[in-house]
Amino acid sequence: MSAPLVDLSVHHQPKGLSDRVAFGFTKLLRFCADTFFAKRYGHRAVVLETVAAVPGMVGATINHLSCLRRMCDDRGWIKTLMDEAENERMHLMTFIEISKPTLFERFVIVSVQWVFYLFFFGLYLVSNKTAHRVVGYFEEEAVISYTHYLAEIDEGRSPNVLAPEIAKRYWNLPDTATLRDVVLVVRADEAHHRDVNHGYANELGGLPVQAVAPCPPHAALEPTWKTAA
């Protein structure tokens, strides 16, 4: 399976205070990531995906409760956001297999996850438009980061190891798939999430919704209890 082509030029120009706050916050986190990880893209990916797996679950939870309270339809957003959360979690599980984080790094992962979950939950309650714009900008940075990771692999600075089994199963990659193949499909996933979240922020702000980048096909994850039964 080949990854869909990704438009690397996509960028939402900030419009208004909400967008500028979201963009500034994202750039601050990008500076922190660049300072702490430099070009250790495998370890950067682990922490990046820890953060990226949070917004979809938060958005789905709040939208679910809101629809129950208001007795209205969600227009498909709950499943969309749940799928995003699951997809980002699979990114995390894949890069954990590749990077083998230390106990300290695992502690950092757990700490970052809790801090960001509480922050994003509060932000979503205050302004869901700003929250989705933050995620859209996060995903723009993720696309850039994975593009740099590809360059590191192509130029021999990062070893192009075999793809872990979890990645082969999830993206239906061939047995010969490598890290480069994984990064390509992950980057395509991030481009899809980028467009979905910018689109949702636009919809909430009364702006036109742009086209959404295609998402690579994934295997359906079945609960293990079904197999056991």
C-alpha atoms as a PDB file:
ATOM      1  CA  MET A   1       0.000   0.000   0.000  1.00  0.00           C
ATOM      2  CA  SER A   2       1.371   3.438  -0.942  1.00  0.00           C
ATOM      3  CA  ALA A   3       0.652   6.533   1.128  1.00  0.00           C
ATOM      4  CA  PRO A   4      -1.551   9.257  -0.406  1.00  0.00           C
ATOM      5  CA  LEU A   5       0.268  12.344  -1.651  1.00  0.00           C
ATOM      6  CA  VAL A   6       0.435  15.114   0.948  1.00  0.00           C
ATOM      7  CA  ASP A   7       0.128  18.819   0.142  1.00  0.00           C
ATOM      8  CA  LEU A   8       2.920  20.299   2.255  1.00  0.00           C
ATOM      9  CA  SER A   9       1.908  23.886   1.469  1.00  0.00           C
ATOM     10  CA  VAL A  10      -1.392  23.838   3.388  1.00  0.00           C
ATOM     11  CA  HIS A  11      -1.477  26.505   6.101  1.00  0.00           C
ATOM     12  CA  HIS A  12      -4.435  28.278   7.645  1.00  0.00           C
ATOM     13  CA  GLN A  13      -3.670  31.993   7.917  1.00  0.00           C
ATOM     14  CA  PRO A  14      -4.719  33.169  11.403  1.00  0.00           C
ATOM     15  CA  LYS A  15      -7.865  35.301  11.332  1.00  0.00           C
ATOM     16  CA  GLY A  16      -8.829  37.050  14.536  1.00  0.00           C
ATOM     17  CA  LEU A  17      -7.713  36.692  18.152  1.00  0.00           C
ATOM     18  CA  SER A  18      -8.771  33.049  18.543  1.00  0.00           C
ATOM     19  CA  ASP A  19      -6.638  31.896  15.610  1.00  0.00           C
ATOM     20  CA  ARG A  20      -3.663  33.989  16.704  1.00  0.00           C
ATOM     21  CA  VAL A  21      -3.773  32.535  20.210  1.00  0.00           C
ATOM     22  CA  ALA A  22      -3.934  29.011  18.753  1.00  0.00           C
ATOM     23  CA  PHE A  23      -1.076  29.712  16.335  1.00  0.00           C
ATOM     24  CA  GLY A  24       1.114  31.364  18.981  1.00  0.00           C
ATOM     25  CA  PHE A  25       0.562  28.504  21.428  1.00  0.00           C
ATOM     26  CA  THR A  26       1.488  25.961  18.759  1.00  0.00           C
ATOM     27  CA  LYS A  27       4.676  27.836  17.846  1.00  0.00           C
ATOM     28  CA  LEU A  28       5.643  27.975  21.540  1.00  0.00           C
ATOM     29  CA  LEU A  29       5.295  24.198  21.831  1.00  0.00           C
ATOM     30  CA  ARG A  30       7.233  23.764  18.570  1.00  0.00           C
ATOM     31  CA  PHE A  31      10.089  25.838  20.043  1.00  0.00           C
ATOM     32  CA  CYS A  32      10.096  23.677  23.187  1.00  0.00           C
ATOM     33  CA  ALA A  33      10.145  20.478  21.100  1.00  0.00           C
ATOM     34  CA  ASP A  34      12.982  21.773  18.899  1.00  0.00           C
ATOM     35  CA  THR A  35      14.988  22.771  21.976  1.00  0.00           C
ATOM     36  CA  PHE A  36      14.469  19.507  23.853  1.00  0.00           C
ATOM     37  CA  PHE A  37      14.598  16.921  21.049  1.00  0.00           C
ATOM     38  CA  ALA A  38      16.640  18.667  18.333  1.00  0.00           C
ATOM     39  CA  LYS A  39      16.814  16.019  15.564  1.00  0.00           C
ATOM     40  CA  ARG A  40      15.893  12.964  17.640  1.00  0.00           C
ATOM     41  CA  TYR A  41      12.788  12.499  15.532  1.00  0.00           C
ATOM     42  CA  GLY A  42      11.886   9.063  16.854  1.00  0.00           C
ATOM     43  CA  HIS A  43      11.696  10.311  20.439  1.00  0.00           C
ATOM     44  CA  ARG A  44      10.011  13.514  19.302  1.00  0.00           C
ATOM     45  CA  ALA A  45       7.355  11.404  17.569  1.00  0.00           C
ATOM     46  CA  VAL A  46       6.590   9.527  20.802  1.00  0.00           C
ATOM     47  CA  VAL A  47       5.880  12.723  22.756  1.00  0.00           C
ATOM     48  CA  LEU A  48       4.136  14.335  19.759  1.00  0.00           C
ATOM     49  CA  GLU A  49       1.756  11.392  19.428  1.00  0.00           C
ATOM     50  CA  THR A  50       1.132  11.344  23.182  1.00  0.00           C
ATOM     51  CA  VAL A  51      -0.221  14.884  22.879  1.00  0.00           C
ATOM     52  CA  ALA A  52      -1.949  14.272  19.536  1.00  0.00           C
ATOM     53  CA  ALA A  53      -3.954  11.332  20.907  1.00  0.00           C
ATOM     54  CA  VAL A  54      -5.697  13.548  23.486  1.00  0.00           C
ATOM     55  CA  PRO A  55      -7.804  16.107  21.505  1.00  0.00           C
ATOM     56  CA  GLY A  56      -9.914  13.590  19.594  1.00  0.00           C
ATOM     57  CA  MET A  57     -11.004  11.833  22.778  1.00  0.00           C
ATOM     58  CA  VAL A  58     -11.705  15.135  24.559  1.00  0.00           C
ATOM     59  CA  GLY A  59     -13.692  16.505  21.618  1.00  0.00           C
ATOM     60  CA  ALA A  60     -15.668  13.281  21.210  1.00  0.00           C
ATOM     61  CA  THR A  61     -16.486  13.135  24.935  1.00  0.00           C
ATOM     62  CA  ILE A  62     -17.670  16.733  25.163  1.00  0.00           C
ATOM     63  CA  ASN A  63     -19.653  16.531  21.911  1.00  0.00           C
ATOM     64  CA  HIS A  64     -21.261  13.279  23.065  1.00  0.00           C
ATOM     65  CA  LEU A  65     -22.376  14.797  26.371  1.00  0.00           C
ATOM     66  CA  SER A  66     -23.502  17.989  24.630  1.00  0.00           C
ATOM     67  CA  CYS A  67     -25.667  16.040  22.169  1.00  0.00           C
ATOM     68  CA  LEU A  68     -27.225  14.035  25.007  1.00  0.00           C
ATOM     69  CA  ARG A  69     -27.976  17.204  26.936  1.00  0.00           C
ATOM     70  CA  ARG A  70     -29.382  19.089  23.952  1.00  0.00           C
ATOM     71  CA  MET A  71     -30.995  15.968  22.424  1.00  0.00           C
ATOM     72  CA  CYS A  72     -29.570  16.714  18.989  1.00  0.00           C
ATOM     73  CA  ASP A  73     -27.589  14.956  16.264  1.00  0.00           C
ATOM     74  CA  ASP A  74     -23.783  15.213  16.229  1.00  0.00           C
ATOM     75  CA  ARG A  75     -23.522  15.299  12.390  1.00  0.00           C
ATOM     76  CA  GLY A  76     -20.933  12.534  12.526  1.00  0.00           C
ATOM     77  CA  TRP A  77     -18.364  14.443  14.568  1.00  0.00           C
ATOM     78  CA  ILE A  78     -18.243  12.059  17.540  1.00  0.00           C
ATOM     79  CA  LYS A  79     -17.119   9.082  15.440  1.00  0.00           C
ATOM     80  CA  THR A  80     -14.766  11.284  13.410  1.00  0.00           C
ATOM     81  CA  LEU A  81     -13.026  12.474  16.569  1.00  0.00           C
ATOM     82  CA  MET A  82     -12.977   8.995  18.124  1.00  0.00           C
ATOM     83  CA  ASP A  83     -11.379   7.637  14.951  1.00  0.00           C
ATOM     84  CA  GLU A  84      -8.782  10.410  15.164  1.00  0.00           C
ATOM     85  CA  ALA A  85      -7.969   9.521  18.776  1.00  0.00           C
ATOM     86  CA  GLU A  86      -7.600   5.831  17.896  1.00  0.00           C
ATOM     87  CA  ASN A  87      -5.425   6.628  14.891  1.00  0.00           C
ATOM     88  CA  GLU A  88      -3.104   8.852  16.935  1.00  0.00           C
ATOM     89  CA  ARG A  89      -2.885   6.156  19.622  1.00  0.00           C
ATOM     90  CA  MET A  90      -1.727   3.686  16.980  1.00  0.00           C
ATOM     91  CA  HIS A  91       0.919   6.202  15.904  1.00  0.00           C
ATOM     92  CA  LEU A  92       2.120   6.297  19.512  1.00  0.00           C
ATOM     93  CA  MET A  93       2.197   2.499  19.853  1.00  0.00           C
ATOM     94  CA  THR A  94       4.140   2.259  16.585  1.00  0.00           C
ATOM     95  CA  PHE A  95       6.824   4.764  17.560  1.00  0.00           C
ATOM     96  CA  ILE A  96       7.170   3.245  21.019  1.00  0.00           C
ATOM     97  CA  GLU A  97       8.121   0.005  19.241  1.00  0.00           C
ATOM     98  CA  ILE A  98      10.647   1.898  17.123  1.00  0.00           C
ATOM     99  CA  SER A  99      12.164   4.256  19.712  1.00  0.00           C
ATOM    100  CA  LYS A 100      12.030   2.054  22.839  1.00  0.00           C
ATOM    101  CA  PRO A 101      11.625   4.942  25.327  1.00  0.00           C
ATOM    102  CA  THR A 102      13.402   4.714  28.681  1.00  0.00           C
ATOM    103  CA  LEU A 103      11.582   4.663  32.027  1.00  0.00           C
ATOM    104  CA  PHE A 104      12.213   8.405  32.386  1.00  0.00           C
ATOM    105  CA  GLU A 105      10.791   9.082  28.935  1.00  0.00           C
ATOM    106  CA  ARG A 106       7.743   6.967  29.780  1.00  0.00           C
ATOM    107  CA  PHE A 107       7.280   9.084  32.909  1.00  0.00           C
ATOM    108  CA  VAL A 108       7.467  12.214  30.738  1.00  0.00           C
ATOM    109  CA  ILE A 109       4.857  10.695  28.393  1.00  0.00           C
ATOM    110  CA  VAL A 110       2.411  10.078  31.251  1.00  0.00           C
ATOM    111  CA  SER A 111       3.018  13.539  32.756  1.00  0.00           C
ATOM    112  CA  VAL A 112       2.591  15.350  29.434  1.00  0.00           C
ATOM    113  CA  GLN A 113      -0.559  13.374  28.724  1.00  0.00           C
ATOM    114  CA  TRP A 114      -2.263  14.359  31.986  1.00  0.00           C
ATOM    115  CA  VAL A 115      -1.233  18.012  31.839  1.00  0.00           C
ATOM    116  CA  PHE A 116      -2.327  18.388  28.230  1.00  0.00           C
ATOM    117  CA  TYR A 117      -5.589  16.492  28.781  1.00  0.00           C
ATOM    118  CA  LEU A 118      -6.654  18.845  31.573  1.00  0.00           C
ATOM    119  CA  PHE A 119      -5.551  21.916  29.612  1.00  0.00           C
ATOM    120  CA  PHE A 120      -7.296  20.869  26.404  1.00  0.00           C
ATOM    121  CA  PHE A 121     -10.481  19.832  28.209  1.00  0.00           C
ATOM    122  CA  GLY A 122     -10.693  23.310  29.747  1.00  0.00           C
ATOM    123  CA  LEU A 123      -9.913  24.998  26.436  1.00  0.00           C
ATOM    124  CA  TYR A 124     -12.606  22.979  24.642  1.00  0.00           C
ATOM    125  CA  LEU A 125     -15.216  24.014  27.196  1.00  0.00           C
ATOM    126  CA  VAL A 126     -14.239  27.685  26.826  1.00  0.00           C
ATOM    127  CA  SER A 127     -13.870  27.741  23.010  1.00  0.00           C
ATOM    128  CA  ASN A 128     -14.222  24.606  20.896  1.00  0.00           C
ATOM    129  CA  LYS A 129     -13.345  26.643  17.801  1.00  0.00           C
ATOM    130  CA  THR A 130      -9.976  27.639  19.300  1.00  0.00           C
ATOM    131  CA  ALA A 131      -9.398  24.063  20.464  1.00  0.00           C
ATOM    132  CA  HIS A 132      -9.871  22.642  16.967  1.00  0.00           C
ATOM    133  CA  ARG A 133      -7.720  25.396  15.490  1.00  0.00           C
ATOM    134  CA  VAL A 134      -4.952  24.450  17.926  1.00  0.00           C
ATOM    135  CA  VAL A 135      -5.171  20.852  16.707  1.00  0.00           C
ATOM    136  CA  GLY A 136      -5.135  22.012  13.083  1.00  0.00           C
ATOM    137  CA  TYR A 137      -1.915  23.936  13.726  1.00  0.00           C
ATOM    138  CA  PHE A 138      -0.485  21.004  15.711  1.00  0.00           C
ATOM    139  CA  GLU A 139      -1.055  18.788  12.711  1.00  0.00           C
ATOM    140  CA  GLU A 140       0.553  21.322  10.364  1.00  0.00           C
ATOM    141  CA  GLU A 141       3.657  21.098  12.550  1.00  0.00           C
ATOM    142  CA  ALA A 142       3.395  17.304  12.626  1.00  0.00           C
ATOM    143  CA  VAL A 143       3.428  17.185   8.814  1.00  0.00           C
ATOM    144  CA  ILE A 144       6.548  19.384   8.820  1.00  0.00           C
ATOM    145  CA  SER A 145       8.214  17.276  11.523  1.00  0.00           C
ATOM    146  CA  TYR A 146       7.600  14.004   9.686  1.00  0.00           C
ATOM    147  CA  THR A 147       8.847  15.565   6.444  1.00  0.00           C
ATOM    148  CA  HIS A 148      12.107  16.388   8.250  1.00  0.00           C
ATOM    149  CA  TYR A 149      12.170  12.831   9.611  1.00  0.00           C
ATOM    150  CA  LEU A 150      11.895  11.495   6.050  1.00  0.00           C
ATOM    151  CA  ALA A 151      14.836  13.672   5.020  1.00  0.00           C
ATOM    152  CA  GLU A 152      16.886  12.276   7.924  1.00  0.00           C
ATOM    153  CA  ILE A 153      16.115   8.737   6.764  1.00  0.00           C
ATOM    154  CA  ASP A 154      16.754   9.458   3.075  1.00  0.00           C
ATOM    155  CA  GLU A 155      20.088  11.119   3.835  1.00  0.00           C
ATOM    156  CA  GLY A 156      21.232   8.263   6.076  1.00  0.00           C
ATOM    157  CA  ARG A 157      21.261  10.108   9.395  1.00  0.00           C
ATOM    158  CA  SER A 158      18.460   7.933  10.805  1.00  0.00           C
ATOM    159  CA  PRO A 159      18.513   4.155  10.227  1.00  0.00           C
ATOM    160  CA  ASN A 160      15.736   2.905   7.971  1.00  0.00           C
ATOM    161  CA  VAL A 161      14.842  -0.082  10.149  1.00  0.00           C
ATOM    162  CA  LEU A 162      12.123  -2.605   9.369  1.00  0.00           C
ATOM    163  CA  ALA A 163       8.603  -1.492  10.245  1.00  0.00           C
ATOM    164  CA  PRO A 164       7.235  -3.017  13.471  1.00  0.00           C
ATOM    165  CA  GLU A 165       4.543  -5.679  13.167  1.00  0.00           C
ATOM    166  CA  ILE A 166       1.905  -3.411  14.712  1.00  0.00           C
ATOM    167  CA  ALA A 167       2.413  -0.924  11.857  1.00  0.00           C
ATOM    168  CA  LYS A 168       2.298  -3.625   9.170  1.00  0.00           C
ATOM    169  CA  ARG A 169      -1.004  -4.928  10.509  1.00  0.00           C
ATOM    170  CA  TYR A 170      -2.616  -1.527  11.033  1.00  0.00           C
ATOM    171  CA  TRP A 171      -1.711   0.019   7.664  1.00  0.00           C
ATOM    172  CA  ASN A 172      -1.603  -3.298   5.775  1.00  0.00           C
ATOM    173  CA  LEU A 173       2.045  -2.736   4.857  1.00  0.00           C
ATOM    174  CA  PRO A 174       4.093  -5.447   3.110  1.00  0.00           C
ATOM    175  CA  ASP A 175       6.507  -7.652   5.074  1.00  0.00           C
ATOM    176  CA  THR A 176       9.409  -5.690   3.586  1.00  0.00           C
ATOM    177  CA  ALA A 177       8.069  -2.317   4.826  1.00  0.00           C
ATOM    178  CA  THR A 178      10.541  -0.030   6.560  1.00  0.00           C
ATOM    179  CA  LEU A 179      10.477   2.968   8.867  1.00  0.00           C
ATOM    180  CA  ARG A 180      10.287   5.219   5.810  1.00  0.00           C
ATOM    181  CA  ASP A 181       7.028   3.569   4.749  1.00  0.00           C
ATOM    182  CA  VAL A 182       5.653   4.066   8.258  1.00  0.00           C
ATOM    183  CA  VAL A 183       6.574   7.754   8.337  1.00  0.00           C
ATOM    184  CA  LEU A 184       4.900   8.273   4.946  1.00  0.00           C
ATOM    185  CA  VAL A 185       1.551   6.835   6.074  1.00  0.00           C
ATOM    186  CA  VAL A 186       1.734   8.592   9.447  1.00  0.00           C
ATOM    187  CA  ARG A 187       2.378  11.908   7.697  1.00  0.00           C
ATOM    188  CA  ALA A 188      -0.639  11.289   5.449  1.00  0.00           C
ATOM    189  CA  ASP A 189      -2.749  10.586   8.550  1.00  0.00           C
ATOM    190  CA  GLU A 190      -1.600  13.866  10.092  1.00  0.00           C
ATOM    191  CA  ALA A 191      -2.444  15.807   6.927  1.00  0.00           C
ATOM    192  CA  HIS A 192      -5.949  14.331   7.081  1.00  0.00           C
ATOM    193  CA  HIS A 193      -6.358  15.335  10.748  1.00  0.00           C
ATOM    194  CA  ARG A 194      -4.978  18.798   9.931  1.00  0.00           C
ATOM    195  CA  ASP A 195      -7.680  19.428   7.352  1.00  0.00           C
ATOM    196  CA  VAL A 196     -10.470  17.887   9.437  1.00  0.00           C
ATOM    197  CA  ASN A 197      -9.712  20.070  12.458  1.00  0.00           C
ATOM    198  CA  HIS A 198      -9.199  23.265  10.477  1.00  0.00           C
ATOM    199  CA  GLY A 199     -12.469  22.447   8.725  1.00  0.00           C
ATOM    200  CA  TYR A 200     -14.308  21.985  11.999  1.00  0.00           C
ATOM    201  CA  ALA A 201     -12.865  25.250  13.356  1.00  0.00           C
ATOM    202  CA  ASN A 202     -13.960  26.991  10.143  1.00  0.00           C
ATOM    203  CA  GLU A 203     -17.443  25.504  10.446  1.00  0.00           C
ATOM    204  CA  LEU A 204     -17.743  26.688  14.043  1.00  0.00           C
ATOM    205  CA  GLY A 205     -16.489  30.133  13.008  1.00  0.00           C
ATOM    206  CA  GLY A 206     -18.814  30.448  10.004  1.00  0.00           C
ATOM    207  CA  LEU A 207     -15.970  30.176   7.466  1.00  0.00           C
ATOM    208  CA  PRO A 208     -15.844  28.030   4.294  1.00  0.00           C
ATOM    209  CA  VAL A 209     -14.644  24.457   4.806  1.00  0.00           C
ATOM    210  CA  GLN A 210     -11.758  23.423   2.555  1.00  0.00           C
ATOM    211  CA  ALA A 211     -11.067  20.041   0.955  1.00  0.00           C
ATOM    212  CA  VAL A 212      -9.764  17.284   3.238  1.00  0.00           C
ATOM    213  CA  ALA A 213      -6.630  15.285   2.414  1.00  0.00           C
ATOM    214  CA  PRO A 214      -7.282  11.546   1.945  1.00  0.00           C
ATOM    215  CA  CYS A 215      -6.534   9.243   4.849  1.00  0.00           C
ATOM    216  CA  PRO A 216      -4.598   5.988   4.301  1.00  0.00           C
ATOM    217  CA  PRO A 217      -6.761   2.884   4.820  1.00  0.00           C
ATOM    218  CA  HIS A 218      -6.414   1.273   8.235  1.00  0.00           C
ATOM    219  CA  ALA A 219      -7.260  -2.140   9.581  1.00  0.00           C
ATOM    220  CA  ALA A 220     -10.387  -2.251  11.736  1.00  0.00           C
ATOM    221  CA  LEU A 221      -9.314  -2.807  15.329  1.00  0.00           C
ATOM    222  CA  GLU A 222     -11.449  -5.546  16.870  1.00  0.00           C
ATOM    223  CA  PRO A 223     -11.737  -5.943  20.666  1.00  0.00           C
ATOM    224  CA  THR A 224      -9.782  -8.961  21.917  1.00  0.00           C
ATOM    225  CA  TRP A 225     -12.740 -10.160  23.983  1.00  0.00           C
ATOM    226  CA  LYS A 226     -14.549 -10.959  20.721  1.00  0.00           C
ATOM    227  CA  THR A 227     -11.754 -13.317  19.729  1.00  0.00           C
ATOM    228  CA  ALA A 228     -11.696 -14.904  23.178  1.00  0.00           C
ATOM    229  CA  ALA A 229     -15.447 -15.482  23.072  1.00  0.00           C
END
